[in-house]
N, C-alpha and C. Protein backbone atom coordinates (compact mmCIF):
# COMPACT_ATOMS: atom_id res chain seq x y z
N MET A 1 -5.58 -14.47 -49.27
CA MET A 1 -4.48 -14.94 -48.44
C MET A 1 -3.89 -13.79 -47.61
N ARG A 2 -3.79 -12.60 -48.23
CA ARG A 2 -3.25 -11.46 -47.50
C ARG A 2 -4.14 -11.09 -46.32
N HIS A 3 -5.43 -11.14 -46.53
CA HIS A 3 -6.37 -10.80 -45.45
C HIS A 3 -6.30 -11.82 -44.32
N PHE A 4 -6.13 -13.07 -44.69
CA PHE A 4 -6.01 -14.11 -43.67
C PHE A 4 -4.77 -13.88 -42.79
N LEU A 5 -3.64 -13.57 -43.41
CA LEU A 5 -2.41 -13.31 -42.66
C LEU A 5 -2.56 -12.07 -41.77
N LEU A 6 -3.25 -11.07 -42.29
CA LEU A 6 -3.47 -9.86 -41.50
C LEU A 6 -4.33 -10.16 -40.27
N ILE A 7 -5.37 -10.94 -40.45
CA ILE A 7 -6.24 -11.31 -39.33
C ILE A 7 -5.47 -12.15 -38.31
N VAL A 8 -4.67 -13.10 -38.77
CA VAL A 8 -3.88 -13.93 -37.86
C VAL A 8 -2.90 -13.06 -37.07
N PHE A 9 -2.24 -12.12 -37.73
CA PHE A 9 -1.29 -11.23 -37.06
C PHE A 9 -2.00 -10.39 -36.00
N ILE A 10 -3.16 -9.85 -36.31
CA ILE A 10 -3.91 -9.03 -35.36
C ILE A 10 -4.35 -9.87 -34.16
N LEU A 11 -4.83 -11.08 -34.41
CA LEU A 11 -5.24 -11.96 -33.31
C LEU A 11 -4.06 -12.34 -32.43
N MET A 12 -2.91 -12.61 -33.01
CA MET A 12 -1.73 -12.96 -32.23
C MET A 12 -1.27 -11.79 -31.37
N SER A 13 -1.37 -10.59 -31.89
CA SER A 13 -0.92 -9.43 -31.11
C SER A 13 -1.85 -9.14 -29.94
N THR A 14 -3.12 -9.48 -30.06
CA THR A 14 -4.05 -9.26 -28.96
C THR A 14 -3.98 -10.37 -27.92
N VAL A 15 -3.59 -11.58 -28.33
CA VAL A 15 -3.51 -12.70 -27.41
C VAL A 15 -2.23 -12.63 -26.58
N CYS A 16 -1.13 -12.19 -27.18
CA CYS A 16 0.15 -12.10 -26.47
C CYS A 16 0.07 -10.99 -25.42
N SER A 17 0.46 -11.31 -24.22
CA SER A 17 0.42 -10.30 -23.17
C SER A 17 1.83 -9.88 -22.79
N ALA A 18 1.96 -8.65 -22.39
CA ALA A 18 3.25 -8.13 -21.96
C ALA A 18 3.60 -8.70 -20.59
N GLN A 19 4.88 -8.67 -20.30
CA GLN A 19 5.30 -9.16 -18.99
C GLN A 19 4.84 -8.18 -17.93
N LYS A 20 4.20 -8.71 -16.92
CA LYS A 20 3.54 -7.87 -15.92
C LYS A 20 4.39 -7.58 -14.70
N TYR A 21 5.25 -8.51 -14.29
CA TYR A 21 6.01 -8.38 -13.06
C TYR A 21 7.51 -8.41 -13.31
N ALA A 22 8.23 -7.65 -12.51
CA ALA A 22 9.68 -7.77 -12.41
C ALA A 22 9.95 -8.50 -11.11
N LEU A 23 10.66 -9.60 -11.18
CA LEU A 23 10.99 -10.39 -9.99
C LEU A 23 12.39 -10.00 -9.53
N LEU A 24 12.46 -9.38 -8.35
CA LEU A 24 13.71 -8.86 -7.80
C LEU A 24 14.25 -9.81 -6.75
N ASP A 25 15.52 -10.15 -6.86
CA ASP A 25 16.13 -11.08 -5.91
C ASP A 25 16.44 -10.36 -4.61
N LYS A 26 15.97 -10.90 -3.51
CA LYS A 26 16.21 -10.31 -2.19
C LYS A 26 17.66 -10.46 -1.76
N GLN A 27 18.36 -11.48 -2.26
CA GLN A 27 19.73 -11.78 -1.83
C GLN A 27 20.80 -11.24 -2.79
N LEU A 28 20.41 -10.54 -3.84
CA LEU A 28 21.33 -9.90 -4.79
C LEU A 28 22.16 -10.87 -5.62
N SER A 29 21.75 -12.11 -5.75
CA SER A 29 22.57 -13.07 -6.47
C SER A 29 21.97 -13.49 -7.81
N LEU A 30 20.67 -13.39 -7.97
CA LEU A 30 20.02 -13.81 -9.21
C LEU A 30 19.61 -12.59 -10.01
N PRO A 31 19.62 -12.69 -11.34
CA PRO A 31 19.22 -11.53 -12.14
C PRO A 31 17.73 -11.24 -12.01
N VAL A 32 17.36 -10.01 -12.34
CA VAL A 32 15.94 -9.63 -12.37
C VAL A 32 15.29 -10.40 -13.51
N ILE A 33 14.14 -10.98 -13.22
CA ILE A 33 13.40 -11.75 -14.23
C ILE A 33 12.06 -11.05 -14.45
N TYR A 34 11.63 -11.02 -15.70
CA TYR A 34 10.33 -10.45 -16.04
C TYR A 34 9.38 -11.59 -16.37
N ALA A 35 8.17 -11.56 -15.76
CA ALA A 35 7.24 -12.67 -15.92
C ALA A 35 5.80 -12.16 -15.94
N ASN A 36 4.94 -12.96 -16.53
CA ASN A 36 3.50 -12.66 -16.55
C ASN A 36 2.82 -13.10 -15.27
N THR A 37 3.30 -14.20 -14.71
CA THR A 37 2.72 -14.74 -13.48
C THR A 37 3.83 -15.05 -12.49
N ILE A 38 3.44 -15.20 -11.25
CA ILE A 38 4.38 -15.51 -10.19
C ILE A 38 4.03 -16.89 -9.65
N THR A 39 5.04 -17.73 -9.53
CA THR A 39 4.82 -19.09 -9.06
C THR A 39 5.37 -19.26 -7.65
N ILE A 40 5.06 -20.38 -7.05
CA ILE A 40 5.58 -20.69 -5.72
C ILE A 40 7.10 -20.85 -5.78
N GLN A 41 7.62 -21.38 -6.90
CA GLN A 41 9.06 -21.54 -7.05
C GLN A 41 9.77 -20.18 -7.03
N ASP A 42 9.14 -19.16 -7.59
CA ASP A 42 9.73 -17.81 -7.56
C ASP A 42 9.86 -17.32 -6.13
N SER A 43 8.87 -17.61 -5.33
CA SER A 43 8.91 -17.24 -3.92
C SER A 43 10.01 -18.00 -3.18
N TYR A 44 10.14 -19.29 -3.44
CA TYR A 44 11.17 -20.09 -2.79
C TYR A 44 12.57 -19.67 -3.21
N LYS A 45 12.71 -19.21 -4.45
CA LYS A 45 14.02 -18.75 -4.93
C LYS A 45 14.42 -17.42 -4.30
N GLY A 46 13.49 -16.73 -3.66
CA GLY A 46 13.81 -15.47 -3.00
C GLY A 46 13.53 -14.24 -3.83
N TYR A 47 12.63 -14.36 -4.79
CA TYR A 47 12.27 -13.22 -5.61
C TYR A 47 11.17 -12.40 -4.95
N PHE A 48 11.25 -11.09 -5.12
CA PHE A 48 10.20 -10.19 -4.66
C PHE A 48 9.57 -9.54 -5.89
N PRO A 49 8.27 -9.72 -6.12
CA PRO A 49 7.64 -9.18 -7.34
C PRO A 49 7.23 -7.71 -7.19
N VAL A 50 7.45 -6.97 -8.26
CA VAL A 50 7.00 -5.59 -8.37
C VAL A 50 6.40 -5.44 -9.76
N GLU A 51 5.30 -4.73 -9.87
CA GLU A 51 4.70 -4.51 -11.18
C GLU A 51 5.70 -3.81 -12.08
N LYS A 52 5.89 -4.33 -13.28
CA LYS A 52 6.88 -3.77 -14.20
C LYS A 52 6.57 -2.31 -14.53
N SER A 53 5.31 -1.98 -14.67
CA SER A 53 4.93 -0.61 -15.00
C SER A 53 5.21 0.37 -13.87
N LYS A 54 5.35 -0.12 -12.65
CA LYS A 54 5.59 0.71 -11.47
C LYS A 54 7.04 0.62 -10.96
N LEU A 55 7.91 -0.05 -11.71
CA LEU A 55 9.26 -0.31 -11.23
C LEU A 55 10.06 0.97 -11.00
N ASN A 56 10.00 1.93 -11.90
CA ASN A 56 10.75 3.18 -11.72
C ASN A 56 10.24 3.95 -10.51
N GLU A 57 8.94 4.00 -10.34
CA GLU A 57 8.34 4.67 -9.18
C GLU A 57 8.77 3.96 -7.88
N PHE A 58 8.80 2.63 -7.91
CA PHE A 58 9.24 1.83 -6.77
C PHE A 58 10.68 2.18 -6.40
N ILE A 59 11.56 2.25 -7.38
CA ILE A 59 12.97 2.56 -7.13
C ILE A 59 13.13 3.97 -6.56
N ILE A 60 12.37 4.93 -7.05
CA ILE A 60 12.44 6.30 -6.54
C ILE A 60 12.06 6.33 -5.06
N GLU A 61 11.01 5.62 -4.68
CA GLU A 61 10.59 5.60 -3.28
C GLU A 61 11.59 4.88 -2.38
N VAL A 62 12.19 3.81 -2.88
CA VAL A 62 13.20 3.10 -2.10
C VAL A 62 14.44 3.99 -1.93
N GLU A 63 14.78 4.77 -2.95
CA GLU A 63 15.89 5.73 -2.82
C GLU A 63 15.60 6.76 -1.73
N LYS A 64 14.36 7.24 -1.66
CA LYS A 64 13.98 8.19 -0.62
C LYS A 64 14.13 7.58 0.77
N ILE A 65 13.75 6.32 0.90
CA ILE A 65 13.87 5.64 2.20
C ILE A 65 15.35 5.48 2.57
N ALA A 66 16.19 5.12 1.60
CA ALA A 66 17.62 4.98 1.87
C ALA A 66 18.22 6.31 2.31
N LYS A 67 17.80 7.38 1.67
CA LYS A 67 18.30 8.71 2.04
C LYS A 67 17.84 9.08 3.45
N LEU A 68 16.60 8.78 3.77
CA LEU A 68 16.05 9.06 5.10
C LEU A 68 16.83 8.30 6.18
N LEU A 69 17.11 7.04 5.93
CA LEU A 69 17.83 6.21 6.90
C LEU A 69 19.31 6.60 7.00
N GLY A 70 19.87 7.04 5.89
CA GLY A 70 21.29 7.37 5.87
C GLY A 70 21.65 8.68 6.54
N ASP A 71 20.68 9.56 6.72
CA ASP A 71 20.93 10.86 7.33
C ASP A 71 20.48 10.83 8.79
N PRO A 72 21.43 10.80 9.75
CA PRO A 72 21.04 10.72 11.16
C PRO A 72 20.36 11.98 11.68
N LYS A 73 20.54 13.10 10.99
CA LYS A 73 19.95 14.36 11.46
C LYS A 73 18.49 14.53 11.05
N THR A 74 18.07 13.80 10.05
CA THR A 74 16.69 13.90 9.59
C THR A 74 15.77 13.20 10.57
N PRO A 75 14.72 13.89 11.06
CA PRO A 75 13.78 13.22 11.96
C PRO A 75 13.03 12.11 11.22
N LYS A 76 12.88 11.00 11.88
CA LYS A 76 12.22 9.85 11.28
C LYS A 76 10.71 9.94 11.53
N PRO A 77 9.90 9.61 10.51
CA PRO A 77 8.45 9.66 10.68
C PRO A 77 7.96 8.58 11.66
N GLU A 78 6.86 8.87 12.30
CA GLU A 78 6.26 7.92 13.23
C GLU A 78 5.79 6.67 12.49
N LYS A 79 5.16 6.87 11.33
CA LYS A 79 4.63 5.78 10.51
C LYS A 79 4.95 6.02 9.05
N ILE A 80 5.11 4.92 8.32
CA ILE A 80 5.25 4.97 6.87
C ILE A 80 4.19 4.03 6.31
N ASP A 81 3.27 4.58 5.56
CA ASP A 81 2.20 3.78 4.93
C ASP A 81 1.86 4.38 3.57
N PHE A 82 2.24 3.70 2.51
CA PHE A 82 1.84 4.12 1.17
C PHE A 82 1.92 2.93 0.22
N ASN A 83 1.28 3.06 -0.92
CA ASN A 83 1.25 2.00 -1.93
C ASN A 83 1.81 2.51 -3.25
N ILE A 84 2.44 1.60 -3.96
CA ILE A 84 2.85 1.84 -5.34
C ILE A 84 2.31 0.65 -6.11
N GLY A 85 1.21 0.85 -6.80
CA GLY A 85 0.55 -0.25 -7.47
C GLY A 85 0.08 -1.27 -6.45
N SER A 86 0.50 -2.51 -6.63
CA SER A 86 0.11 -3.57 -5.70
C SER A 86 1.14 -3.79 -4.59
N THR A 87 2.14 -2.92 -4.52
CA THR A 87 3.17 -3.03 -3.47
C THR A 87 2.88 -2.01 -2.38
N ALA A 88 2.82 -2.49 -1.14
CA ALA A 88 2.54 -1.62 0.00
C ALA A 88 3.78 -1.50 0.88
N PHE A 89 4.05 -0.29 1.33
CA PHE A 89 5.15 -0.01 2.24
C PHE A 89 4.55 0.29 3.61
N HIS A 90 4.99 -0.44 4.63
CA HIS A 90 4.52 -0.22 6.00
C HIS A 90 5.74 -0.14 6.90
N GLY A 91 5.81 0.95 7.66
CA GLY A 91 6.95 1.14 8.54
C GLY A 91 6.59 1.83 9.83
N LEU A 92 7.41 1.60 10.84
CA LEU A 92 7.24 2.21 12.15
C LEU A 92 8.58 2.72 12.65
N ARG A 93 8.54 3.82 13.38
CA ARG A 93 9.72 4.32 14.06
C ARG A 93 9.83 3.60 15.40
N VAL A 94 11.02 3.10 15.70
CA VAL A 94 11.25 2.37 16.95
C VAL A 94 12.25 3.19 17.78
N PRO A 95 11.76 3.87 18.81
CA PRO A 95 12.69 4.66 19.63
C PRO A 95 13.50 3.76 20.58
N LEU A 96 14.81 3.92 20.51
CA LEU A 96 15.72 3.21 21.41
C LEU A 96 16.53 4.24 22.18
N ALA A 97 17.27 3.81 23.18
CA ALA A 97 18.05 4.74 24.00
C ALA A 97 19.12 5.45 23.17
N ALA A 98 19.78 4.72 22.29
CA ALA A 98 20.88 5.31 21.51
C ALA A 98 20.39 6.06 20.28
N GLU A 99 19.38 5.56 19.61
CA GLU A 99 18.88 6.18 18.38
C GLU A 99 17.46 5.71 18.08
N GLU A 100 16.84 6.42 17.18
CA GLU A 100 15.54 5.98 16.66
C GLU A 100 15.80 5.14 15.42
N ARG A 101 15.23 3.97 15.39
CA ARG A 101 15.39 3.10 14.22
C ARG A 101 14.06 2.98 13.50
N VAL A 102 14.15 2.58 12.25
CA VAL A 102 12.95 2.45 11.42
C VAL A 102 12.85 1.02 10.93
N ASP A 103 11.68 0.44 11.08
CA ASP A 103 11.38 -0.92 10.63
C ASP A 103 10.39 -0.82 9.48
N ILE A 104 10.78 -1.30 8.29
CA ILE A 104 9.91 -1.17 7.10
C ILE A 104 9.76 -2.54 6.46
N ILE A 105 8.51 -2.91 6.21
CA ILE A 105 8.19 -4.15 5.50
C ILE A 105 7.43 -3.77 4.24
N ILE A 106 7.84 -4.38 3.11
CA ILE A 106 7.12 -4.14 1.86
C ILE A 106 6.40 -5.44 1.48
N THR A 107 5.19 -5.29 0.96
CA THR A 107 4.35 -6.43 0.60
C THR A 107 3.76 -6.20 -0.78
N THR A 108 3.82 -7.22 -1.62
CA THR A 108 3.18 -7.17 -2.93
C THR A 108 2.08 -8.22 -2.96
N ASP A 109 0.88 -7.77 -3.28
CA ASP A 109 -0.26 -8.67 -3.45
C ASP A 109 -0.39 -8.97 -4.93
N TYR A 110 -0.18 -10.22 -5.31
CA TYR A 110 -0.24 -10.58 -6.72
C TYR A 110 -1.38 -11.55 -7.02
N GLY A 111 -2.52 -11.30 -6.40
CA GLY A 111 -3.71 -12.08 -6.70
C GLY A 111 -3.87 -13.28 -5.82
N VAL A 112 -3.16 -14.35 -6.12
CA VAL A 112 -3.31 -15.60 -5.41
C VAL A 112 -2.67 -15.54 -4.02
N SER A 113 -1.61 -14.79 -3.89
CA SER A 113 -0.87 -14.76 -2.64
C SER A 113 -0.20 -13.40 -2.45
N LYS A 114 0.64 -13.31 -1.43
CA LYS A 114 1.40 -12.10 -1.14
C LYS A 114 2.86 -12.45 -0.94
N ALA A 115 3.73 -11.53 -1.32
CA ALA A 115 5.16 -11.67 -1.06
C ALA A 115 5.58 -10.53 -0.15
N THR A 116 6.40 -10.84 0.85
CA THR A 116 6.85 -9.81 1.78
C THR A 116 8.37 -9.76 1.82
N MET A 117 8.87 -8.60 2.19
CA MET A 117 10.31 -8.40 2.32
C MET A 117 10.57 -7.36 3.40
N HIS A 118 11.52 -7.64 4.25
CA HIS A 118 11.93 -6.69 5.28
C HIS A 118 12.93 -5.74 4.63
N LEU A 119 12.50 -4.54 4.30
CA LEU A 119 13.39 -3.57 3.66
C LEU A 119 14.34 -2.96 4.67
N SER A 120 13.84 -2.65 5.85
CA SER A 120 14.65 -2.07 6.91
C SER A 120 14.27 -2.76 8.22
N ASP A 121 15.27 -3.32 8.89
CA ASP A 121 15.04 -4.08 10.12
C ASP A 121 15.50 -3.26 11.32
N ALA A 122 14.64 -3.06 12.29
CA ALA A 122 14.97 -2.26 13.47
C ALA A 122 16.04 -2.91 14.34
N LYS A 123 16.37 -4.19 14.10
CA LYS A 123 17.44 -4.84 14.84
C LYS A 123 18.81 -4.26 14.45
N LEU A 124 18.87 -3.72 13.22
CA LEU A 124 20.11 -3.14 12.71
C LEU A 124 20.03 -1.62 12.77
N SER A 125 21.17 -0.97 12.80
CA SER A 125 21.18 0.49 12.83
C SER A 125 20.66 1.03 11.49
N ASN A 126 20.20 2.25 11.52
CA ASN A 126 19.69 2.88 10.30
C ASN A 126 20.76 2.96 9.23
N SER A 127 22.01 3.22 9.63
CA SER A 127 23.09 3.33 8.64
C SER A 127 23.35 1.98 7.97
N LYS A 128 23.27 0.88 8.72
CA LYS A 128 23.44 -0.45 8.11
C LYS A 128 22.29 -0.78 7.17
N ASN A 129 21.07 -0.41 7.57
CA ASN A 129 19.93 -0.61 6.68
C ASN A 129 20.07 0.22 5.42
N ALA A 130 20.52 1.47 5.55
CA ALA A 130 20.72 2.34 4.38
C ALA A 130 21.77 1.74 3.45
N PHE A 131 22.83 1.18 4.02
CA PHE A 131 23.87 0.54 3.21
C PHE A 131 23.29 -0.63 2.42
N PHE A 132 22.52 -1.49 3.08
CA PHE A 132 21.90 -2.63 2.38
C PHE A 132 20.97 -2.15 1.27
N ILE A 133 20.13 -1.16 1.57
CA ILE A 133 19.18 -0.66 0.58
C ILE A 133 19.90 -0.06 -0.62
N ASN A 134 20.96 0.72 -0.38
CA ASN A 134 21.72 1.30 -1.48
C ASN A 134 22.41 0.23 -2.32
N THR A 135 22.89 -0.84 -1.68
CA THR A 135 23.49 -1.96 -2.41
C THR A 135 22.43 -2.66 -3.26
N TRP A 136 21.24 -2.85 -2.69
CA TRP A 136 20.13 -3.48 -3.43
C TRP A 136 19.72 -2.61 -4.61
N LEU A 137 19.71 -1.29 -4.43
CA LEU A 137 19.37 -0.39 -5.53
C LEU A 137 20.40 -0.47 -6.66
N LYS A 138 21.67 -0.59 -6.33
CA LYS A 138 22.71 -0.74 -7.38
C LYS A 138 22.47 -2.04 -8.16
N TYR A 139 22.14 -3.10 -7.43
CA TYR A 139 21.83 -4.38 -8.08
C TYR A 139 20.63 -4.21 -9.03
N LEU A 140 19.57 -3.54 -8.56
CA LEU A 140 18.38 -3.37 -9.39
C LEU A 140 18.70 -2.58 -10.65
N ARG A 141 19.40 -1.46 -10.49
CA ARG A 141 19.72 -0.62 -11.65
C ARG A 141 20.57 -1.36 -12.67
N SER A 142 21.41 -2.27 -12.21
CA SER A 142 22.29 -3.00 -13.15
C SER A 142 21.51 -4.00 -14.00
N TYR A 143 20.35 -4.44 -13.55
CA TYR A 143 19.57 -5.45 -14.27
C TYR A 143 18.33 -4.93 -14.97
N ILE A 144 17.94 -3.70 -14.70
CA ILE A 144 16.68 -3.21 -15.27
C ILE A 144 16.83 -2.92 -16.74
N LYS A 145 15.85 -3.39 -17.50
CA LYS A 145 15.84 -3.18 -18.97
C LYS A 145 15.30 -1.81 -19.28
């Protein structure tokens, strides 16, 4: 009987999978949810998925972007292209008469589909984008386990 229970426990531990994604609310109103899979309903609710194992690295890079946008004296890069796990950051510098603005879109490929989010919109000033990003970062830090 003891061996049977041991085998059942081992099989259960190998079958159970850890939560793979952290679902981040784009509108700052819903808590961060951890899930194994992403559904269409998650997309409609406004969640943006990030791999749970890459969440800290994701936050560090978003902090760097907020700092870059918040400092008007720092020259803005022509292009931003890098990946963190299955999340890709793509950005362009948009030169305007008054200032150079940065447009950044982040995309997560989660197998069946992709989720996108406008992290920084060139329609808004860099300082307004930095404010939104810093507010989003505070929201993320308050919910992360």
